[in-house]
N, C-alpha and C. Protein backbone atom coordinates (compact mmCIF):
# COMPACT_ATOMS: atom_id res chain seq x y z
N UNK A 1 10.35 -4.61 5.55
CA UNK A 1 10.31 -5.68 6.53
C UNK A 1 10.32 -7.01 5.81
N UNK A 2 11.27 -7.86 6.11
CA UNK A 2 11.42 -9.15 5.45
C UNK A 2 10.85 -10.25 6.33
N UNK A 3 9.87 -10.96 5.80
CA UNK A 3 9.24 -12.05 6.55
C UNK A 3 10.13 -13.28 6.65
N UNK A 4 11.17 -13.34 5.84
CA UNK A 4 11.98 -14.56 5.73
C UNK A 4 12.57 -15.03 7.05
N UNK A 5 12.82 -14.15 7.98
CA UNK A 5 13.43 -14.56 9.23
C UNK A 5 12.47 -15.17 10.24
N UNK A 6 11.18 -15.00 10.02
CA UNK A 6 10.18 -15.48 10.98
C UNK A 6 10.13 -17.00 10.95
N UNK A 7 10.33 -17.61 12.11
CA UNK A 7 10.27 -19.06 12.21
C UNK A 7 11.49 -19.77 11.67
N UNK A 8 12.55 -19.02 11.39
CA UNK A 8 13.76 -19.62 10.83
C UNK A 8 14.61 -20.25 11.92
N UNK A 9 15.39 -21.22 11.49
CA UNK A 9 16.39 -21.84 12.34
C UNK A 9 17.73 -21.22 11.99
N UNK A 10 18.73 -21.32 12.86
CA UNK A 10 20.03 -20.72 12.55
C UNK A 10 20.64 -21.22 11.25
N UNK A 11 20.37 -22.48 10.90
CA UNK A 11 20.98 -23.06 9.71
C UNK A 11 20.04 -23.12 8.50
N UNK A 12 18.79 -22.67 8.67
CA UNK A 12 17.83 -22.76 7.57
C UNK A 12 16.83 -21.61 7.64
N UNK A 13 16.78 -20.82 6.56
CA UNK A 13 15.88 -19.67 6.49
C UNK A 13 14.49 -20.12 6.06
N UNK A 14 13.47 -19.65 6.75
CA UNK A 14 12.09 -19.94 6.38
C UNK A 14 11.59 -18.81 5.49
N UNK A 15 11.08 -19.16 4.32
CA UNK A 15 10.61 -18.16 3.37
C UNK A 15 9.10 -18.02 3.38
N UNK A 16 8.63 -17.12 2.52
CA UNK A 16 7.20 -16.85 2.42
C UNK A 16 6.43 -18.10 2.01
N UNK A 17 6.99 -18.90 1.13
CA UNK A 17 6.33 -20.12 0.67
C UNK A 17 6.00 -21.03 1.85
N UNK A 18 6.96 -21.23 2.74
CA UNK A 18 6.77 -22.08 3.91
C UNK A 18 5.80 -21.44 4.90
N UNK A 19 5.94 -20.14 5.13
CA UNK A 19 5.03 -19.45 6.04
C UNK A 19 3.58 -19.52 5.55
N UNK A 20 3.38 -19.34 4.24
CA UNK A 20 2.02 -19.39 3.68
C UNK A 20 1.42 -20.78 3.86
N UNK A 21 2.23 -21.80 3.66
CA UNK A 21 1.74 -23.16 3.84
C UNK A 21 1.44 -23.45 5.30
N UNK A 22 2.37 -23.10 6.19
CA UNK A 22 2.21 -23.39 7.62
C UNK A 22 1.09 -22.59 8.28
N UNK A 23 1.00 -21.32 7.95
CA UNK A 23 0.04 -20.45 8.64
C UNK A 23 -1.30 -20.31 7.93
N UNK A 24 -1.30 -20.42 6.60
CA UNK A 24 -2.52 -20.20 5.83
C UNK A 24 -3.07 -21.46 5.18
N UNK A 25 -2.22 -22.48 5.10
CA UNK A 25 -2.62 -23.69 4.39
C UNK A 25 -2.64 -23.50 2.88
N UNK A 26 -1.91 -22.50 2.39
CA UNK A 26 -1.88 -22.19 0.97
C UNK A 26 -0.54 -22.63 0.40
N UNK A 27 -0.60 -23.47 -0.64
CA UNK A 27 0.61 -23.91 -1.31
C UNK A 27 0.92 -22.95 -2.45
N UNK A 28 2.10 -22.36 -2.38
CA UNK A 28 2.53 -21.40 -3.40
C UNK A 28 3.60 -22.02 -4.29
N UNK A 29 3.38 -21.97 -5.57
CA UNK A 29 4.39 -22.41 -6.53
C UNK A 29 5.29 -21.21 -6.81
N UNK A 30 6.56 -21.33 -6.48
CA UNK A 30 7.48 -20.21 -6.64
C UNK A 30 8.56 -20.61 -7.64
N UNK A 31 8.52 -20.00 -8.81
CA UNK A 31 9.49 -20.26 -9.86
C UNK A 31 10.76 -19.45 -9.60
N UNK A 32 11.90 -20.16 -9.44
CA UNK A 32 13.17 -19.45 -9.26
C UNK A 32 13.53 -18.66 -10.51
N UNK A 33 13.20 -19.23 -11.66
CA UNK A 33 13.50 -18.55 -12.92
C UNK A 33 12.76 -17.22 -12.99
N UNK A 34 11.49 -17.23 -12.60
CA UNK A 34 10.70 -16.00 -12.62
C UNK A 34 11.18 -15.03 -11.54
N UNK A 35 11.49 -15.54 -10.37
CA UNK A 35 11.97 -14.68 -9.28
C UNK A 35 13.27 -13.98 -9.65
N UNK A 36 14.09 -14.66 -10.43
CA UNK A 36 15.39 -14.10 -10.81
C UNK A 36 15.37 -13.40 -12.17
N UNK A 37 14.18 -13.26 -12.75
CA UNK A 37 14.09 -12.58 -14.04
C UNK A 37 14.40 -11.09 -13.87
N UNK A 38 14.58 -10.39 -14.96
CA UNK A 38 14.96 -8.98 -14.90
C UNK A 38 13.73 -8.11 -14.61
N UNK A 39 13.59 -7.70 -13.37
CA UNK A 39 12.45 -6.91 -12.92
C UNK A 39 12.64 -5.42 -13.24
N UNK A 40 13.78 -5.07 -13.81
CA UNK A 40 13.99 -3.66 -14.16
C UNK A 40 13.44 -3.34 -15.54
N UNK A 41 13.14 -4.36 -16.33
CA UNK A 41 12.58 -4.15 -17.66
C UNK A 41 11.09 -3.85 -17.55
N UNK A 42 10.70 -2.70 -18.09
CA UNK A 42 9.30 -2.31 -18.04
C UNK A 42 8.70 -2.33 -19.43
N UNK A 43 7.45 -2.68 -19.56
CA UNK A 43 6.54 -3.07 -18.50
C UNK A 43 6.83 -4.50 -18.03
N UNK A 44 6.44 -4.79 -16.80
CA UNK A 44 6.58 -6.14 -16.28
C UNK A 44 5.67 -7.07 -17.06
N UNK A 45 6.06 -8.33 -17.14
CA UNK A 45 5.22 -9.31 -17.83
C UNK A 45 4.03 -9.67 -16.94
N UNK A 46 3.03 -10.28 -17.53
CA UNK A 46 1.87 -10.73 -16.74
C UNK A 46 2.29 -11.73 -15.67
N UNK A 47 3.24 -12.60 -16.00
CA UNK A 47 3.74 -13.57 -15.01
C UNK A 47 4.41 -12.86 -13.85
N UNK A 48 5.19 -11.82 -14.12
CA UNK A 48 5.85 -11.07 -13.04
C UNK A 48 4.81 -10.36 -12.17
N UNK A 49 3.81 -9.76 -12.82
CA UNK A 49 2.76 -9.07 -12.06
C UNK A 49 1.98 -10.04 -11.18
N UNK A 50 1.67 -11.19 -11.72
CA UNK A 50 0.96 -12.21 -10.94
C UNK A 50 1.81 -12.68 -9.77
N UNK A 51 3.10 -12.89 -10.03
CA UNK A 51 4.04 -13.34 -9.00
C UNK A 51 4.11 -12.34 -7.85
N UNK A 52 4.30 -11.07 -8.18
CA UNK A 52 4.45 -10.07 -7.11
C UNK A 52 3.12 -9.81 -6.41
N UNK A 53 2.00 -9.87 -7.13
CA UNK A 53 0.70 -9.68 -6.49
C UNK A 53 0.42 -10.82 -5.52
N UNK A 54 0.75 -12.04 -5.94
CA UNK A 54 0.55 -13.20 -5.05
C UNK A 54 1.42 -13.09 -3.81
N UNK A 55 2.69 -12.68 -4.00
CA UNK A 55 3.58 -12.51 -2.85
C UNK A 55 3.08 -11.43 -1.90
N UNK A 56 2.59 -10.33 -2.46
CA UNK A 56 2.07 -9.24 -1.62
C UNK A 56 0.86 -9.72 -0.82
N UNK A 57 -0.05 -10.44 -1.50
CA UNK A 57 -1.22 -10.97 -0.79
C UNK A 57 -0.80 -11.93 0.31
N UNK A 58 0.09 -12.88 -0.03
CA UNK A 58 0.52 -13.88 0.95
C UNK A 58 1.23 -13.21 2.13
N UNK A 59 2.07 -12.22 1.86
CA UNK A 59 2.76 -11.51 2.94
C UNK A 59 1.78 -10.81 3.87
N UNK A 60 0.78 -10.14 3.30
CA UNK A 60 -0.23 -9.46 4.12
C UNK A 60 -1.05 -10.47 4.91
N UNK A 61 -1.41 -11.59 4.29
CA UNK A 61 -2.21 -12.60 4.98
C UNK A 61 -1.42 -13.25 6.11
N UNK A 62 -0.15 -13.52 5.88
CA UNK A 62 0.72 -14.08 6.93
C UNK A 62 0.83 -13.11 8.09
N UNK A 63 1.05 -11.83 7.79
CA UNK A 63 1.15 -10.83 8.86
C UNK A 63 -0.15 -10.72 9.64
N UNK A 64 -1.28 -10.82 8.97
CA UNK A 64 -2.57 -10.77 9.65
C UNK A 64 -2.70 -11.91 10.66
N UNK A 65 -2.33 -13.11 10.26
CA UNK A 65 -2.37 -14.27 11.17
C UNK A 65 -1.41 -14.06 12.34
N UNK A 66 -0.20 -13.60 12.03
CA UNK A 66 0.79 -13.39 13.09
C UNK A 66 0.34 -12.31 14.08
N UNK A 67 -0.28 -11.23 13.56
CA UNK A 67 -0.76 -10.17 14.45
C UNK A 67 -1.87 -10.69 15.35
N UNK A 68 -2.72 -11.57 14.84
CA UNK A 68 -3.78 -12.14 15.67
C UNK A 68 -3.22 -13.06 16.74
N UNK A 69 -2.21 -13.84 16.38
CA UNK A 69 -1.63 -14.80 17.32
C UNK A 69 -0.72 -14.16 18.35
N UNK A 70 0.08 -13.18 17.93
CA UNK A 70 1.06 -12.55 18.82
C UNK A 70 1.09 -11.05 18.63
N UNK A 71 0.04 -10.34 19.08
CA UNK A 71 0.02 -8.89 18.90
C UNK A 71 1.16 -8.18 19.63
N UNK A 72 1.71 -8.81 20.67
CA UNK A 72 2.82 -8.19 21.40
C UNK A 72 4.08 -8.11 20.55
N UNK A 73 4.19 -8.97 19.56
CA UNK A 73 5.37 -8.98 18.69
C UNK A 73 5.07 -8.40 17.32
N UNK A 74 3.87 -8.70 16.78
CA UNK A 74 3.56 -8.36 15.40
C UNK A 74 2.54 -7.24 15.24
N UNK A 75 2.32 -6.46 16.27
CA UNK A 75 1.44 -5.30 16.13
C UNK A 75 2.11 -4.28 15.20
N UNK A 76 1.32 -3.43 14.60
CA UNK A 76 1.83 -2.44 13.64
C UNK A 76 2.97 -1.62 14.24
N UNK A 77 2.81 -1.14 15.47
CA UNK A 77 3.86 -0.33 16.10
C UNK A 77 5.17 -1.11 16.25
N UNK A 78 5.05 -2.39 16.61
CA UNK A 78 6.26 -3.21 16.77
C UNK A 78 6.96 -3.41 15.42
N UNK A 79 6.18 -3.68 14.40
CA UNK A 79 6.75 -3.88 13.06
C UNK A 79 7.40 -2.59 12.56
N UNK A 80 6.74 -1.47 12.75
CA UNK A 80 7.30 -0.20 12.29
C UNK A 80 8.61 0.14 13.00
N UNK A 81 8.72 -0.21 14.27
CA UNK A 81 9.98 0.06 14.97
C UNK A 81 11.10 -0.80 14.38
N UNK A 82 10.78 -2.03 13.97
CA UNK A 82 11.77 -2.88 13.30
C UNK A 82 12.15 -2.32 11.94
N UNK A 83 11.15 -1.90 11.20
CA UNK A 83 11.38 -1.35 9.86
C UNK A 83 12.28 -0.11 9.95
N UNK A 84 11.95 0.78 10.84
CA UNK A 84 12.72 2.02 10.98
C UNK A 84 14.14 1.76 11.45
N UNK A 85 14.33 0.72 12.25
CA UNK A 85 15.65 0.44 12.80
C UNK A 85 16.52 -0.40 11.86
N UNK A 86 15.89 -1.26 11.05
CA UNK A 86 16.68 -2.25 10.33
C UNK A 86 16.59 -2.18 8.80
N UNK A 87 15.58 -1.58 8.26
CA UNK A 87 15.40 -1.58 6.81
C UNK A 87 16.52 -0.82 6.12
N UNK A 88 16.97 -1.37 5.02
CA UNK A 88 17.98 -0.70 4.20
C UNK A 88 17.27 0.30 3.30
N UNK A 89 18.00 1.32 2.91
CA UNK A 89 17.45 2.29 1.98
C UNK A 89 17.35 1.66 0.59
N UNK A 90 16.51 2.22 -0.27
CA UNK A 90 16.39 1.72 -1.64
C UNK A 90 17.71 1.88 -2.38
N UNK A 91 18.44 2.93 -2.08
CA UNK A 91 19.74 3.14 -2.71
C UNK A 91 20.70 2.01 -2.33
N UNK A 92 20.69 1.61 -1.06
CA UNK A 92 21.56 0.53 -0.59
C UNK A 92 21.15 -0.80 -1.24
N UNK A 93 19.87 -1.06 -1.30
CA UNK A 93 19.38 -2.29 -1.93
C UNK A 93 19.78 -2.33 -3.40
N UNK A 94 19.61 -1.21 -4.08
CA UNK A 94 19.96 -1.13 -5.50
C UNK A 94 21.46 -1.35 -5.68
N UNK A 95 22.28 -0.71 -4.87
CA UNK A 95 23.73 -0.85 -4.99
C UNK A 95 24.16 -2.29 -4.72
N UNK A 96 23.56 -2.93 -3.74
CA UNK A 96 23.89 -4.33 -3.45
C UNK A 96 23.52 -5.23 -4.61
N UNK A 97 22.35 -5.00 -5.21
CA UNK A 97 21.91 -5.79 -6.36
C UNK A 97 22.86 -5.61 -7.53
N UNK A 98 23.28 -4.38 -7.78
CA UNK A 98 24.21 -4.11 -8.87
C UNK A 98 25.56 -4.78 -8.60
N UNK A 99 26.02 -4.72 -7.37
CA UNK A 99 27.30 -5.34 -7.02
C UNK A 99 27.24 -6.86 -7.20
N UNK A 100 26.12 -7.48 -6.79
CA UNK A 100 25.96 -8.92 -6.97
C UNK A 100 25.96 -9.28 -8.46
N UNK A 101 25.26 -8.49 -9.25
CA UNK A 101 25.21 -8.75 -10.69
C UNK A 101 26.60 -8.63 -11.31
N UNK A 102 27.35 -7.60 -10.93
CA UNK A 102 28.70 -7.42 -11.45
C UNK A 102 29.60 -8.58 -11.04
N UNK A 103 29.45 -9.05 -9.81
CA UNK A 103 30.26 -10.18 -9.33
C UNK A 103 29.92 -11.46 -10.10
N UNK A 104 28.65 -11.68 -10.38
CA UNK A 104 28.25 -12.86 -11.15
C UNK A 104 28.81 -12.81 -12.56
N UNK A 105 28.77 -11.64 -13.17
CA UNK A 105 29.32 -11.48 -14.52
C UNK A 105 30.82 -11.72 -14.50
N UNK A 106 31.50 -11.18 -13.51
CA UNK A 106 32.95 -11.38 -13.42
C UNK A 106 33.28 -12.85 -13.23
N UNK A 107 32.51 -13.56 -12.42
CA UNK A 107 32.73 -14.99 -12.23
C UNK A 107 32.50 -15.76 -13.52
N UNK A 108 31.43 -15.45 -14.23
CA UNK A 108 31.16 -16.11 -15.51
C UNK A 108 32.30 -15.87 -16.49
N UNK A 109 32.80 -14.65 -16.53
CA UNK A 109 33.91 -14.33 -17.43
C UNK A 109 35.17 -15.09 -17.04
N UNK A 110 35.44 -15.19 -15.75
CA UNK A 110 36.60 -15.93 -15.27
C UNK A 110 36.48 -17.41 -15.63
N UNK A 111 35.29 -17.98 -15.40
CA UNK A 111 35.07 -19.38 -15.76
C UNK A 111 35.22 -19.60 -17.26
N UNK A 112 34.74 -18.65 -18.03
CA UNK A 112 34.86 -18.74 -19.49
C UNK A 112 36.32 -18.71 -19.91
N UNK A 113 37.09 -17.80 -19.32
CA UNK A 113 38.52 -17.72 -19.63
C UNK A 113 39.22 -19.02 -19.24
N UNK A 114 38.88 -19.56 -18.10
CA UNK A 114 39.47 -20.83 -17.67
C UNK A 114 39.12 -21.94 -18.65
N UNK A 115 37.88 -21.94 -19.11
CA UNK A 115 37.44 -22.95 -20.07
C UNK A 115 38.23 -22.82 -21.37
N UNK A 116 38.41 -21.59 -21.85
CA UNK A 116 39.17 -21.37 -23.08
C UNK A 116 40.60 -21.87 -22.95
N UNK A 117 41.16 -21.76 -21.76
CA UNK A 117 42.54 -22.17 -21.53
C UNK A 117 42.65 -23.63 -21.08
N UNK A 118 41.50 -24.30 -21.00
CA UNK A 118 41.50 -25.71 -20.59
C UNK A 118 41.75 -25.91 -19.12
N UNK A 119 41.55 -24.86 -18.34
CA UNK A 119 41.78 -24.93 -16.89
C UNK A 119 40.47 -25.23 -16.17
N UNK A 120 40.61 -25.76 -14.97
CA UNK A 120 39.44 -25.95 -14.12
C UNK A 120 39.47 -24.89 -13.03
N UNK A 121 38.30 -24.44 -12.68
CA UNK A 121 38.18 -23.44 -11.62
C UNK A 121 37.34 -24.07 -10.52
N UNK A 122 38.02 -24.54 -9.47
CA UNK A 122 37.36 -25.23 -8.36
C UNK A 122 36.49 -26.38 -8.89
N UNK A 123 37.01 -27.09 -9.87
CA UNK A 123 36.30 -28.24 -10.39
C UNK A 123 35.21 -27.92 -11.39
N UNK A 124 34.98 -26.64 -11.68
CA UNK A 124 33.91 -26.27 -12.62
C UNK A 124 34.51 -25.84 -13.94
N UNK A 125 34.04 -26.48 -15.00
CA UNK A 125 34.41 -26.03 -16.34
C UNK A 125 33.19 -25.84 -17.20
N UNK A 126 32.01 -26.14 -16.66
CA UNK A 126 30.78 -26.07 -17.45
C UNK A 126 30.25 -24.64 -17.51
N UNK A 127 30.68 -23.92 -18.49
CA UNK A 127 30.20 -22.56 -18.72
C UNK A 127 29.61 -22.52 -20.11
N UNK A 128 28.41 -22.09 -20.20
CA UNK A 128 27.74 -21.96 -21.50
C UNK A 128 28.41 -20.86 -22.30
N UNK A 129 28.89 -21.18 -23.51
CA UNK A 129 29.60 -20.20 -24.33
C UNK A 129 28.74 -18.98 -24.64
N UNK A 130 27.49 -19.22 -24.98
CA UNK A 130 26.59 -18.11 -25.34
C UNK A 130 26.36 -17.21 -24.13
N UNK A 131 26.14 -17.83 -22.96
CA UNK A 131 25.91 -17.03 -21.74
C UNK A 131 27.16 -16.22 -21.39
N UNK A 132 28.31 -16.82 -21.51
CA UNK A 132 29.56 -16.12 -21.21
C UNK A 132 29.78 -14.98 -22.20
N UNK A 133 29.49 -15.22 -23.47
CA UNK A 133 29.67 -14.16 -24.46
C UNK A 133 28.72 -13.00 -24.18
N UNK A 134 27.49 -13.31 -23.76
CA UNK A 134 26.54 -12.25 -23.40
C UNK A 134 27.08 -11.43 -22.24
N UNK A 135 27.70 -12.13 -21.27
CA UNK A 135 28.27 -11.42 -20.13
C UNK A 135 29.39 -10.49 -20.56
N UNK A 136 30.23 -10.97 -21.48
CA UNK A 136 31.33 -10.14 -21.98
C UNK A 136 30.77 -8.95 -22.76
N UNK A 137 29.76 -9.20 -23.60
CA UNK A 137 29.13 -8.12 -24.36
C UNK A 137 28.49 -7.09 -23.44
N UNK A 138 27.97 -7.54 -22.32
CA UNK A 138 27.31 -6.64 -21.37
C UNK A 138 28.30 -5.63 -20.81
N UNK A 139 29.51 -6.09 -20.57
CA UNK A 139 30.53 -5.21 -20.02
C UNK A 139 30.94 -4.20 -21.06
């Protein structure tokens, strides 16, 4: 169950950080670098463990407030019916993540090739050589 859609507008997604501030009065510092770090490498770092523990706590606390305010929408049975109807399987989530990673690597490689040839790709030529080489080595 993804909390991100709760309170969202059609043109702007509301995330856990905003929900925690609005509903709990808790300001969460969310590092994009940490969120996008490689979570498949084990063991997780202390920063990753702290990040996911804080998110789990905030998600549970937000749900508790929502269940108290609107039990007709956020009661356990209502949430479970949403989860069962809409949640993707772990296999699907994993495949989507792998596909996104492969697409990002392919884009980096394309940008790197364009840079080598002195071409612009939609106005972008700023590709870090080391990052692009790592992407090529990864393949």
